[in-house]
């Protein structure tokens, strides 16, 4: 996740420097499940992805929760990105 203000700052820096090409923007360090559990005062529990997918699909189909399996699949496919180019060429760093 990255704050909208940090994205805006990177865009302004790219325009001011006439920096060509794409930039990966992300906050660091990455958020881990332990961080989320700590913030929610919960215990992280490992559930294999295929099992979690089946549970998500079944609970969505029975209207126990509003999020279909596609959202879960998207979450598992989000890559970690290298922000060195933005940090170097734009002298950018997130808050």
PDB file of N, CA and C in Angstrom:
ATOM      1  N   UNK A   1       0.844  -1.172   0.000  1.00  0.00           N
ATOM      2  CA  UNK A   1       0.000   0.000   0.000  1.00  0.00           C
ATOM      3  C   UNK A   1       0.894   1.241   0.000  1.00  0.00           C
ATOM      4  N   UNK A   2       0.369   2.263  -0.614  1.00  0.00           N
ATOM      5  CA  UNK A   2       1.101   3.529  -0.641  1.00  0.00           C
ATOM      6  C   UNK A   2       0.080   4.662  -0.530  1.00  0.00           C
ATOM      7  N   UNK A   3       0.435   5.677   0.220  1.00  0.00           N
ATOM      8  CA  UNK A   3      -0.460   6.807   0.463  1.00  0.00           C
ATOM      9  C   UNK A   3      -0.645   7.619  -0.817  1.00  0.00           C
ATOM     10  N   UNK A   4      -1.857   8.107  -1.040  1.00  0.00           N
ATOM     11  CA  UNK A   4      -2.161   8.893  -2.242  1.00  0.00           C
ATOM     12  C   UNK A   4      -1.270  10.135  -2.337  1.00  0.00           C
ATOM     13  N   UNK A   5      -0.961  10.737  -1.205  1.00  0.00           N
ATOM     14  CA  UNK A   5      -0.080  11.903  -1.200  1.00  0.00           C
ATOM     15  C   UNK A   5       1.325  11.572  -1.682  1.00  0.00           C
ATOM     16  N   UNK A   6       1.782  10.362  -1.357  1.00  0.00           N
ATOM     17  CA  UNK A   6       3.098   9.924  -1.826  1.00  0.00           C
ATOM     18  C   UNK A   6       3.095   9.702  -3.336  1.00  0.00           C
ATOM     19  N   UNK A   7       1.997   9.180  -3.855  1.00  0.00           N
ATOM     20  CA  UNK A   7       1.872   8.990  -5.306  1.00  0.00           C
ATOM     21  C   UNK A   7       1.872  10.351  -6.002  1.00  0.00           C
ATOM     22  N   UNK A   8       1.109  11.292  -5.449  1.00  0.00           N
ATOM     23  CA  UNK A   8       1.067  12.638  -6.031  1.00  0.00           C
ATOM     24  C   UNK A   8       2.455  13.279  -6.015  1.00  0.00           C
ATOM     25  N   UNK A   9       3.170  13.113  -4.917  1.00  0.00           N
ATOM     26  CA  UNK A   9       4.526  13.656  -4.811  1.00  0.00           C
ATOM     27  C   UNK A   9       5.436  13.072  -5.891  1.00  0.00           C
ATOM     28  N   UNK A  10       5.355  11.767  -6.113  1.00  0.00           N
ATOM     29  CA  UNK A  10       6.174  11.120  -7.148  1.00  0.00           C
ATOM     30  C   UNK A  10       5.808  11.639  -8.536  1.00  0.00           C
ATOM     31  N   UNK A  11       4.519  11.846  -8.781  1.00  0.00           N
ATOM     32  CA  UNK A  11       4.079  12.359 -10.088  1.00  0.00           C
ATOM     33  C   UNK A  11       4.628  13.760 -10.336  1.00  0.00           C
ATOM     34  N   UNK A  12       4.552  14.608  -9.327  1.00  0.00           N
ATOM     35  CA  UNK A  12       5.081  15.970  -9.455  1.00  0.00           C
ATOM     36  C   UNK A  12       6.581  15.926  -9.731  1.00  0.00           C
ATOM     37  N   UNK A  13       7.296  15.091  -8.995  1.00  0.00           N
ATOM     38  CA  UNK A  13       8.745  14.975  -9.190  1.00  0.00           C
ATOM     39  C   UNK A  13       9.074  14.473 -10.600  1.00  0.00           C
ATOM     40  N   UNK A  14       8.293  13.520 -11.099  1.00  0.00           N
ATOM     41  CA  UNK A  14       8.534  12.983 -12.447  1.00  0.00           C
ATOM     42  C   UNK A  14       8.325  14.064 -13.507  1.00  0.00           C
ATOM     43  N   UNK A  15       7.285  14.875 -13.340  1.00  0.00           N
ATOM     44  CA  UNK A  15       7.006  15.953 -14.299  1.00  0.00           C
ATOM     45  C   UNK A  15       8.095  17.025 -14.221  1.00  0.00           C
ATOM     46  N   UNK A  16       8.452  17.422 -13.003  1.00  0.00           N
ATOM     47  CA  UNK A  16       9.474  18.460 -12.834  1.00  0.00           C
ATOM     48  C   UNK A  16      10.827  18.040 -13.420  1.00  0.00           C
ATOM     49  N   UNK A  17      11.137  16.762 -13.332  1.00  0.00           N
ATOM     50  CA  UNK A  17      12.434  16.267 -13.818  1.00  0.00           C
ATOM     51  C   UNK A  17      12.362  15.746 -15.258  1.00  0.00           C
ATOM     52  N   UNK A  18      11.156  15.810 -15.853  1.00  0.00           N
ATOM     53  CA  UNK A  18      10.947  15.244 -17.197  1.00  0.00           C
ATOM     54  C   UNK A  18      11.473  13.807 -17.255  1.00  0.00           C
ATOM     55  N   UNK A  19      11.198  13.060 -16.204  1.00  0.00           N
ATOM     56  CA  UNK A  19      11.702  11.685 -16.084  1.00  0.00           C
ATOM     57  C   UNK A  19      10.897  10.752 -16.984  1.00  0.00           C
ATOM     58  N   UNK A  20      11.571  10.061 -17.894  1.00  0.00           N
ATOM     59  CA  UNK A  20      10.858   9.162 -18.812  1.00  0.00           C
ATOM     60  C   UNK A  20      10.591   7.797 -18.189  1.00  0.00           C
ATOM     61  N   UNK A  21       9.582   7.131 -18.711  1.00  0.00           N
ATOM     62  CA  UNK A  21       9.323   5.740 -18.345  1.00  0.00           C
ATOM     63  C   UNK A  21       8.482   5.568 -17.100  1.00  0.00           C
ATOM     64  N   UNK A  22       8.170   4.311 -16.802  1.00  0.00           N
ATOM     65  CA  UNK A  22       7.316   3.995 -15.654  1.00  0.00           C
ATOM     66  C   UNK A  22       8.117   3.940 -14.347  1.00  0.00           C
ATOM     67  N   UNK A  23       7.409   4.141 -13.256  1.00  0.00           N
ATOM     68  CA  UNK A  23       8.002   4.049 -11.924  1.00  0.00           C
ATOM     69  C   UNK A  23       7.122   3.172 -11.047  1.00  0.00           C
ATOM     70  N   UNK A  24       7.737   2.291 -10.288  1.00  0.00           N
ATOM     71  CA  UNK A  24       7.015   1.512  -9.287  1.00  0.00           C
ATOM     72  C   UNK A  24       7.001   2.310  -7.994  1.00  0.00           C
ATOM     73  N   UNK A  25       5.819   2.468  -7.423  1.00  0.00           N
ATOM     74  CA  UNK A  25       5.680   3.194  -6.165  1.00  0.00           C
ATOM     75  C   UNK A  25       5.054   2.268  -5.140  1.00  0.00           C
ATOM     76  N   UNK A  26       5.657   2.202  -3.972  1.00  0.00           N
ATOM     77  CA  UNK A  26       5.127   1.358  -2.906  1.00  0.00           C
ATOM     78  C   UNK A  26       5.717   1.815  -1.583  1.00  0.00           C
ATOM     79  N   UNK A  27       4.964   1.584  -0.530  1.00  0.00           N
ATOM     80  CA  UNK A  27       5.477   1.857   0.803  1.00  0.00           C
ATOM     81  C   UNK A  27       6.384   0.702   1.210  1.00  0.00           C
ATOM     82  N   UNK A  28       7.289   0.979   2.094  1.00  0.00           N
ATOM     83  CA  UNK A  28       8.176  -0.065   2.603  1.00  0.00           C
ATOM     84  C   UNK A  28       8.195   0.008   4.116  1.00  0.00           C
ATOM     85  N   UNK A  29       8.371  -1.053   4.795  1.00  0.00           N
ATOM     86  CA  UNK A  29       8.474  -2.414   4.274  1.00  0.00           C
ATOM     87  C   UNK A  29       7.098  -2.945   3.900  1.00  0.00           C
ATOM     88  N   UNK A  30       7.040  -4.093   3.212  1.00  0.00           N
ATOM     89  CA  UNK A  30       5.738  -4.682   2.876  1.00  0.00           C
ATOM     90  C   UNK A  30       4.965  -5.029   4.149  1.00  0.00           C
ATOM     91  N   UNK A  31       3.652  -5.003   4.050  1.00  0.00           N
ATOM     92  CA  UNK A  31       2.806  -5.373   5.185  1.00  0.00           C
ATOM     93  C   UNK A  31       2.676  -6.894   5.202  1.00  0.00           C
ATOM     94  N   UNK A  32       2.990  -7.496   6.329  1.00  0.00           N
ATOM     95  CA  UNK A  32       2.892  -8.948   6.483  1.00  0.00           C
ATOM     96  C   UNK A  32       1.658  -9.307   7.300  1.00  0.00           C
ATOM     97  N   UNK A  33       1.236 -10.552   7.198  1.00  0.00           N
ATOM     98  CA  UNK A  33       0.029 -10.968   7.917  1.00  0.00           C
ATOM     99  C   UNK A  33       0.181 -10.773   9.417  1.00  0.00           C
ATOM    100  N   UNK A  34       1.404 -10.923   9.934  1.00  0.00           N
ATOM    101  CA  UNK A  34       1.627 -10.715  11.364  1.00  0.00           C
ATOM    102  C   UNK A  34       1.363  -9.256  11.751  1.00  0.00           C
ATOM    103  N   UNK A  35       1.715  -8.326  10.862  1.00  0.00           N
ATOM    104  CA  UNK A  35       1.460  -6.904  11.111  1.00  0.00           C
ATOM    105  C   UNK A  35      -0.036  -6.625  11.165  1.00  0.00           C
ATOM    106  N   UNK A  36      -0.766  -7.219  10.238  1.00  0.00           N
ATOM    107  CA  UNK A  36      -2.218  -7.035  10.200  1.00  0.00           C
ATOM    108  C   UNK A  36      -2.852  -7.645  11.441  1.00  0.00           C
ATOM    109  N   UNK A  37      -2.424  -8.846  11.804  1.00  0.00           N
ATOM    110  CA  UNK A  37      -2.963  -9.510  12.993  1.00  0.00           C
ATOM    111  C   UNK A  37      -2.701  -8.670  14.237  1.00  0.00           C
ATOM    112  N   UNK A  38      -1.491  -8.130  14.354  1.00  0.00           N
ATOM    113  CA  UNK A  38      -1.153  -7.305  15.516  1.00  0.00           C
ATOM    114  C   UNK A  38      -2.041  -6.060  15.562  1.00  0.00           C
ATOM    115  N   UNK A  39      -2.252  -5.426  14.408  1.00  0.00           N
ATOM    116  CA  UNK A  39      -3.096  -4.229  14.356  1.00  0.00           C
ATOM    117  C   UNK A  39      -4.539  -4.537  14.739  1.00  0.00           C
ATOM    118  N   UNK A  40      -4.994  -5.740  14.392  1.00  0.00           N
ATOM    119  CA  UNK A  40      -6.370  -6.149  14.708  1.00  0.00           C
ATOM    120  C   UNK A  40      -6.477  -6.864  16.050  1.00  0.00           C
ATOM    121  N   UNK A  41      -5.327  -7.008  16.726  1.00  0.00           N
ATOM    122  CA  UNK A  41      -5.270  -7.764  17.987  1.00  0.00           C
ATOM    123  C   UNK A  41      -5.843  -9.165  17.803  1.00  0.00           C
ATOM    124  N   UNK A  42      -5.374  -9.810  16.746  1.00  0.00           N
ATOM    125  CA  UNK A  42      -5.837 -11.158  16.399  1.00  0.00           C
ATOM    126  C   UNK A  42      -4.629 -12.079  16.248  1.00  0.00           C
ATOM    127  N   UNK A  43      -4.898 -13.364  16.109  1.00  0.00           N
ATOM    128  CA  UNK A  43      -3.842 -14.350  15.904  1.00  0.00           C
ATOM    129  C   UNK A  43      -3.823 -14.757  14.440  1.00  0.00           C
ATOM    130  N   UNK A  44      -2.649 -14.712  13.794  1.00  0.00           N
ATOM    131  CA  UNK A  44      -2.601 -15.180  12.403  1.00  0.00           C
ATOM    132  C   UNK A  44      -2.725 -16.699  12.358  1.00  0.00           C
ATOM    133  N   UNK A  45      -3.523 -17.180  11.440  1.00  0.00           N
ATOM    134  CA  UNK A  45      -3.730 -18.619  11.268  1.00  0.00           C
ATOM    135  C   UNK A  45      -3.411 -18.954   9.821  1.00  0.00           C
ATOM    136  N   UNK A  46      -2.539 -19.943   9.616  1.00  0.00           N
ATOM    137  CA  UNK A  46      -2.201 -20.341   8.252  1.00  0.00           C
ATOM    138  C   UNK A  46      -3.302 -21.237   7.701  1.00  0.00           C
ATOM    139  N   UNK A  47      -3.863 -20.838   6.579  1.00  0.00           N
ATOM    140  CA  UNK A  47      -4.839 -21.653   5.853  1.00  0.00           C
ATOM    141  C   UNK A  47      -4.299 -21.769   4.428  1.00  0.00           C
ATOM    142  N   UNK A  48      -4.103 -22.993   3.928  1.00  0.00           N
ATOM    143  CA  UNK A  48      -3.598 -23.133   2.559  1.00  0.00           C
ATOM    144  C   UNK A  48      -4.491 -22.388   1.562  1.00  0.00           C
ATOM    145  N   UNK A  49      -3.866 -21.764   0.572  1.00  0.00           N
ATOM    146  CA  UNK A  49      -4.598 -20.949  -0.404  1.00  0.00           C
ATOM    147  C   UNK A  49      -5.757 -21.688  -1.066  1.00  0.00           C
ATOM    148  N   UNK A  50      -5.603 -22.953  -1.486  1.00  0.00           N
ATOM    149  CA  UNK A  50      -6.743 -23.641  -2.110  1.00  0.00           C
ATOM    150  C   UNK A  50      -7.930 -23.804  -1.151  1.00  0.00           C
ATOM    151  N   UNK A  51      -7.635 -24.073   0.111  1.00  0.00           N
ATOM    152  CA  UNK A  51      -8.702 -24.218   1.113  1.00  0.00           C
ATOM    153  C   UNK A  51      -9.370 -22.871   1.347  1.00  0.00           C
ATOM    154  N   UNK A  52      -8.573 -21.833   1.470  1.00  0.00           N
ATOM    155  CA  UNK A  52      -9.125 -20.491   1.665  1.00  0.00           C
ATOM    156  C   UNK A  52     -10.007 -20.097   0.486  1.00  0.00           C
ATOM    157  N   UNK A  53      -9.579 -20.449  -0.726  1.00  0.00           N
ATOM    158  CA  UNK A  53     -10.381 -20.166  -1.916  1.00  0.00           C
ATOM    159  C   UNK A  53     -11.724 -20.862  -1.875  1.00  0.00           C
ATOM    160  N   UNK A  54     -11.729 -22.126  -1.482  1.00  0.00           N
ATOM    161  CA  UNK A  54     -12.993 -22.867  -1.376  1.00  0.00           C
ATOM    162  C   UNK A  54     -13.907 -22.259  -0.319  1.00  0.00           C
ATOM    163  N   UNK A  55     -13.332 -21.888   0.821  1.00  0.00           N
ATOM    164  CA  UNK A  55     -14.127 -21.266   1.886  1.00  0.00           C
ATOM    165  C   UNK A  55     -14.680 -19.910   1.445  1.00  0.00           C
ATOM    166  N   UNK A  56     -13.856 -19.125   0.774  1.00  0.00           N
ATOM    167  CA  UNK A  56     -14.314 -17.818   0.293  1.00  0.00           C
ATOM    168  C   UNK A  56     -15.445 -17.983  -0.710  1.00  0.00           C
ATOM    169  N   UNK A  57     -15.283 -18.930  -1.630  1.00  0.00           N
ATOM    170  CA  UNK A  57     -16.311 -19.157  -2.643  1.00  0.00           C
ATOM    171  C   UNK A  57     -17.617 -19.631  -2.013  1.00  0.00           C
ATOM    172  N   UNK A  58     -17.528 -20.595  -1.102  1.00  0.00           N
ATOM    173  CA  UNK A  58     -18.737 -21.124  -0.456  1.00  0.00           C
ATOM    174  C   UNK A  58     -19.434 -20.053   0.375  1.00  0.00           C
ATOM    175  N   UNK A  59     -18.664 -19.264   1.123  1.00  0.00           N
ATOM    176  CA  UNK A  59     -19.289 -18.235   1.958  1.00  0.00           C
ATOM    177  C   UNK A  59     -19.875 -17.109   1.114  1.00  0.00           C
ATOM    178  N   UNK A  60     -19.301 -16.846  -0.053  1.00  0.00           N
ATOM    179  CA  UNK A  60     -19.863 -15.830  -0.948  1.00  0.00           C
ATOM    180  C   UNK A  60     -21.157 -16.342  -1.583  1.00  0.00           C
ATOM    181  N   UNK A  61     -21.138 -17.596  -2.038  1.00  0.00           N
ATOM    182  CA  UNK A  61     -22.332 -18.163  -2.680  1.00  0.00           C
ATOM    183  C   UNK A  61     -23.514 -18.268  -1.718  1.00  0.00           C
ATOM    184  N   UNK A  62     -23.224 -18.477  -0.445  1.00  0.00           N
ATOM    185  CA  UNK A  62     -24.298 -18.564   0.556  1.00  0.00           C
ATOM    186  C   UNK A  62     -24.584 -17.207   1.195  1.00  0.00           C
ATOM    187  N   UNK A  63     -23.956 -16.168   0.668  1.00  0.00           N
ATOM    188  CA  UNK A  63     -24.164 -14.780   1.102  1.00  0.00           C
ATOM    189  C   UNK A  63     -23.793 -14.533   2.566  1.00  0.00           C
ATOM    190  N   UNK A  64     -22.797 -15.269   3.032  1.00  0.00           N
ATOM    191  CA  UNK A  64     -22.300 -15.033   4.385  1.00  0.00           C
ATOM    192  C   UNK A  64     -21.321 -13.861   4.420  1.00  0.00           C
ATOM    193  N   UNK A  65     -20.727 -13.571   3.287  1.00  0.00           N
ATOM    194  CA  UNK A  65     -19.824 -12.420   3.174  1.00  0.00           C
ATOM    195  C   UNK A  65     -19.877 -11.916   1.728  1.00  0.00           C
ATOM    196  N   UNK A  66     -19.564 -10.621   1.495  1.00  0.00           N
ATOM    197  CA  UNK A  66     -19.806 -10.002   0.186  1.00  0.00           C
ATOM    198  C   UNK A  66     -18.680 -10.081  -0.849  1.00  0.00           C
ATOM    199  N   UNK A  67     -17.607 -10.793  -0.573  1.00  0.00           N
ATOM    200  CA  UNK A  67     -16.452 -10.762  -1.475  1.00  0.00           C
ATOM    201  C   UNK A  67     -16.286 -12.102  -2.179  1.00  0.00           C
ATOM    202  N   UNK A  68     -16.314 -12.082  -3.523  1.00  0.00           N
ATOM    203  CA  UNK A  68     -16.172 -13.350  -4.247  1.00  0.00           C
ATOM    204  C   UNK A  68     -14.708 -13.775  -4.332  1.00  0.00           C
ATOM    205  N   UNK A  69     -14.490 -14.982  -4.776  1.00  0.00           N
ATOM    206  CA  UNK A  69     -13.154 -15.586  -4.806  1.00  0.00           C
ATOM    207  C   UNK A  69     -12.167 -14.802  -5.677  1.00  0.00           C
ATOM    208  N   UNK A  70     -12.669 -14.100  -6.667  1.00  0.00           N
ATOM    209  CA  UNK A  70     -11.787 -13.331  -7.539  1.00  0.00           C
ATOM    210  C   UNK A  70     -10.936 -12.326  -6.782  1.00  0.00           C
ATOM    211  N   UNK A  71     -11.488 -11.727  -5.744  1.00  0.00           N
ATOM    212  CA  UNK A  71     -10.731 -10.770  -4.936  1.00  0.00           C
ATOM    213  C   UNK A  71      -9.589 -11.464  -4.211  1.00  0.00           C
ATOM    214  N   UNK A  72      -9.853 -12.657  -3.735  1.00  0.00           N
ATOM    215  CA  UNK A  72      -8.818 -13.434  -3.059  1.00  0.00           C
ATOM    216  C   UNK A  72      -7.710 -13.805  -4.044  1.00  0.00           C
ATOM    217  N   UNK A  73      -8.106 -14.240  -5.237  1.00  0.00           N
ATOM    218  CA  UNK A  73      -7.123 -14.580  -6.270  1.00  0.00           C
ATOM    219  C   UNK A  73      -6.265 -13.364  -6.619  1.00  0.00           C
ATOM    220  N   UNK A  74      -6.895 -12.193  -6.710  1.00  0.00           N
ATOM    221  CA  UNK A  74      -6.163 -10.972  -7.016  1.00  0.00           C
ATOM    222  C   UNK A  74      -5.170 -10.645  -5.896  1.00  0.00           C
ATOM    223  N   UNK A  75      -5.586 -10.821  -4.654  1.00  0.00           N
ATOM    224  CA  UNK A  75      -4.716 -10.531  -3.525  1.00  0.00           C
ATOM    225  C   UNK A  75      -3.462 -11.409  -3.557  1.00  0.00           C
ATOM    226  N   UNK A  76      -3.633 -12.678  -3.906  1.00  0.00           N
ATOM    227  CA  UNK A  76      -2.489 -13.586  -3.952  1.00  0.00           C
ATOM    228  C   UNK A  76      -1.576 -13.314  -5.146  1.00  0.00           C
ATOM    229  N   UNK A  77      -2.058 -12.603  -6.145  1.00  0.00           N
ATOM    230  CA  UNK A  77      -1.242 -12.363  -7.340  1.00  0.00           C
ATOM    231  C   UNK A  77      -0.575 -10.990  -7.357  1.00  0.00           C
ATOM    232  N   UNK A  78      -0.765 -10.190  -6.316  1.00  0.00           N
ATOM    233  CA  UNK A  78      -0.156  -8.858  -6.272  1.00  0.00           C
ATOM    234  C   UNK A  78       1.348  -9.013  -6.050  1.00  0.00           C
ATOM    235  N   UNK A  79       2.149  -8.484  -6.958  1.00  0.00           N
ATOM    236  CA  UNK A  79       3.604  -8.652  -6.819  1.00  0.00           C
ATOM    237  C   UNK A  79       4.223  -7.611  -5.890  1.00  0.00           C
ATOM    238  N   UNK A  80       5.374  -7.944  -5.340  1.00  0.00           N
ATOM    239  CA  UNK A  80       6.184  -6.943  -4.658  1.00  0.00           C
ATOM    240  C   UNK A  80       6.942  -6.204  -5.750  1.00  0.00           C
ATOM    241  N   UNK A  81       7.069  -4.901  -5.606  1.00  0.00           N
ATOM    242  CA  UNK A  81       7.714  -4.117  -6.657  1.00  0.00           C
ATOM    243  C   UNK A  81       8.996  -3.469  -6.147  1.00  0.00           C
ATOM    244  N   UNK A  82       9.911  -3.248  -7.057  1.00  0.00           N
ATOM    245  CA  UNK A  82      11.187  -2.613  -6.756  1.00  0.00           C
ATOM    246  C   UNK A  82      11.044  -1.115  -7.001  1.00  0.00           C
ATOM    247  N   UNK A  83      11.224  -0.317  -5.959  1.00  0.00           N
ATOM    248  CA  UNK A  83      11.034   1.132  -6.060  1.00  0.00           C
ATOM    249  C   UNK A  83      12.347   1.898  -6.233  1.00  0.00           C
ATOM    250  N   UNK A  84      13.447   1.184  -6.460  1.00  0.00           N
ATOM    251  CA  UNK A  84      14.755   1.857  -6.557  1.00  0.00           C
ATOM    252  C   UNK A  84      14.807   2.923  -7.648  1.00  0.00           C
ATOM    253  N   UNK A  85      14.158   2.679  -8.765  1.00  0.00           N
ATOM    254  CA  UNK A  85      14.204   3.657  -9.865  1.00  0.00           C
ATOM    255  C   UNK A  85      13.566   4.980  -9.431  1.00  0.00           C
ATOM    256  N   UNK A  86      12.422   4.909  -8.772  1.00  0.00           N
ATOM    257  CA  UNK A  86      11.761   6.132  -8.286  1.00  0.00           C
ATOM    258  C   UNK A  86      12.602   6.803  -7.208  1.00  0.00           C
ATOM    259  N   UNK A  87      13.186   6.007  -6.336  1.00  0.00           N
ATOM    260  CA  UNK A  87      14.013   6.575  -5.266  1.00  0.00           C
ATOM    261  C   UNK A  87      15.253   7.268  -5.836  1.00  0.00           C
ATOM    262  N   UNK A  88      15.834   6.675  -6.858  1.00  0.00           N
ATOM    263  CA  UNK A  88      17.068   7.212  -7.434  1.00  0.00           C
ATOM    264  C   UNK A  88      16.809   8.399  -8.360  1.00  0.00           C
ATOM    265  N   UNK A  89      15.971   8.206  -9.378  1.00  0.00           N
ATOM    266  CA  UNK A  89      15.765   9.258 -10.380  1.00  0.00           C
ATOM    267  C   UNK A  89      14.903  10.408  -9.880  1.00  0.00           C
ATOM    268  N   UNK A  90      13.966  10.112  -8.989  1.00  0.00           N
ATOM    269  CA  UNK A  90      13.055  11.155  -8.504  1.00  0.00           C
ATOM    270  C   UNK A  90      13.429  11.654  -7.113  1.00  0.00           C
ATOM    271  N   UNK A  91      14.418  11.015  -6.494  1.00  0.00           N
ATOM    272  CA  UNK A  91      14.754  11.319  -5.101  1.00  0.00           C
ATOM    273  C   UNK A  91      13.493  11.233  -4.245  1.00  0.00           C
ATOM    274  N   UNK A  92      12.744  10.146  -4.453  1.00  0.00           N
ATOM    275  CA  UNK A  92      11.430   9.958  -3.838  1.00  0.00           C
ATOM    276  C   UNK A  92      11.490   8.894  -2.756  1.00  0.00           C
ATOM    277  N   UNK A  93      10.734   9.087  -1.713  1.00  0.00           N
ATOM    278  CA  UNK A  93      10.522   8.034  -0.717  1.00  0.00           C
ATOM    279  C   UNK A  93       9.164   8.275  -0.070  1.00  0.00           C
ATOM    280  N   UNK A  94       8.459   7.184   0.251  1.00  0.00           N
ATOM    281  CA  UNK A  94       7.146   7.339   0.872  1.00  0.00           C
ATOM    282  C   UNK A  94       7.279   7.809   2.317  1.00  0.00           C
ATOM    283  N   UNK A  95       6.203   8.365   2.829  1.00  0.00           N
ATOM    284  CA  UNK A  95       6.198   8.828   4.229  1.00  0.00           C
ATOM    285  C   UNK A  95       6.326   7.667   5.176  1.00  0.00           C
TER     286      UNK A  95
END
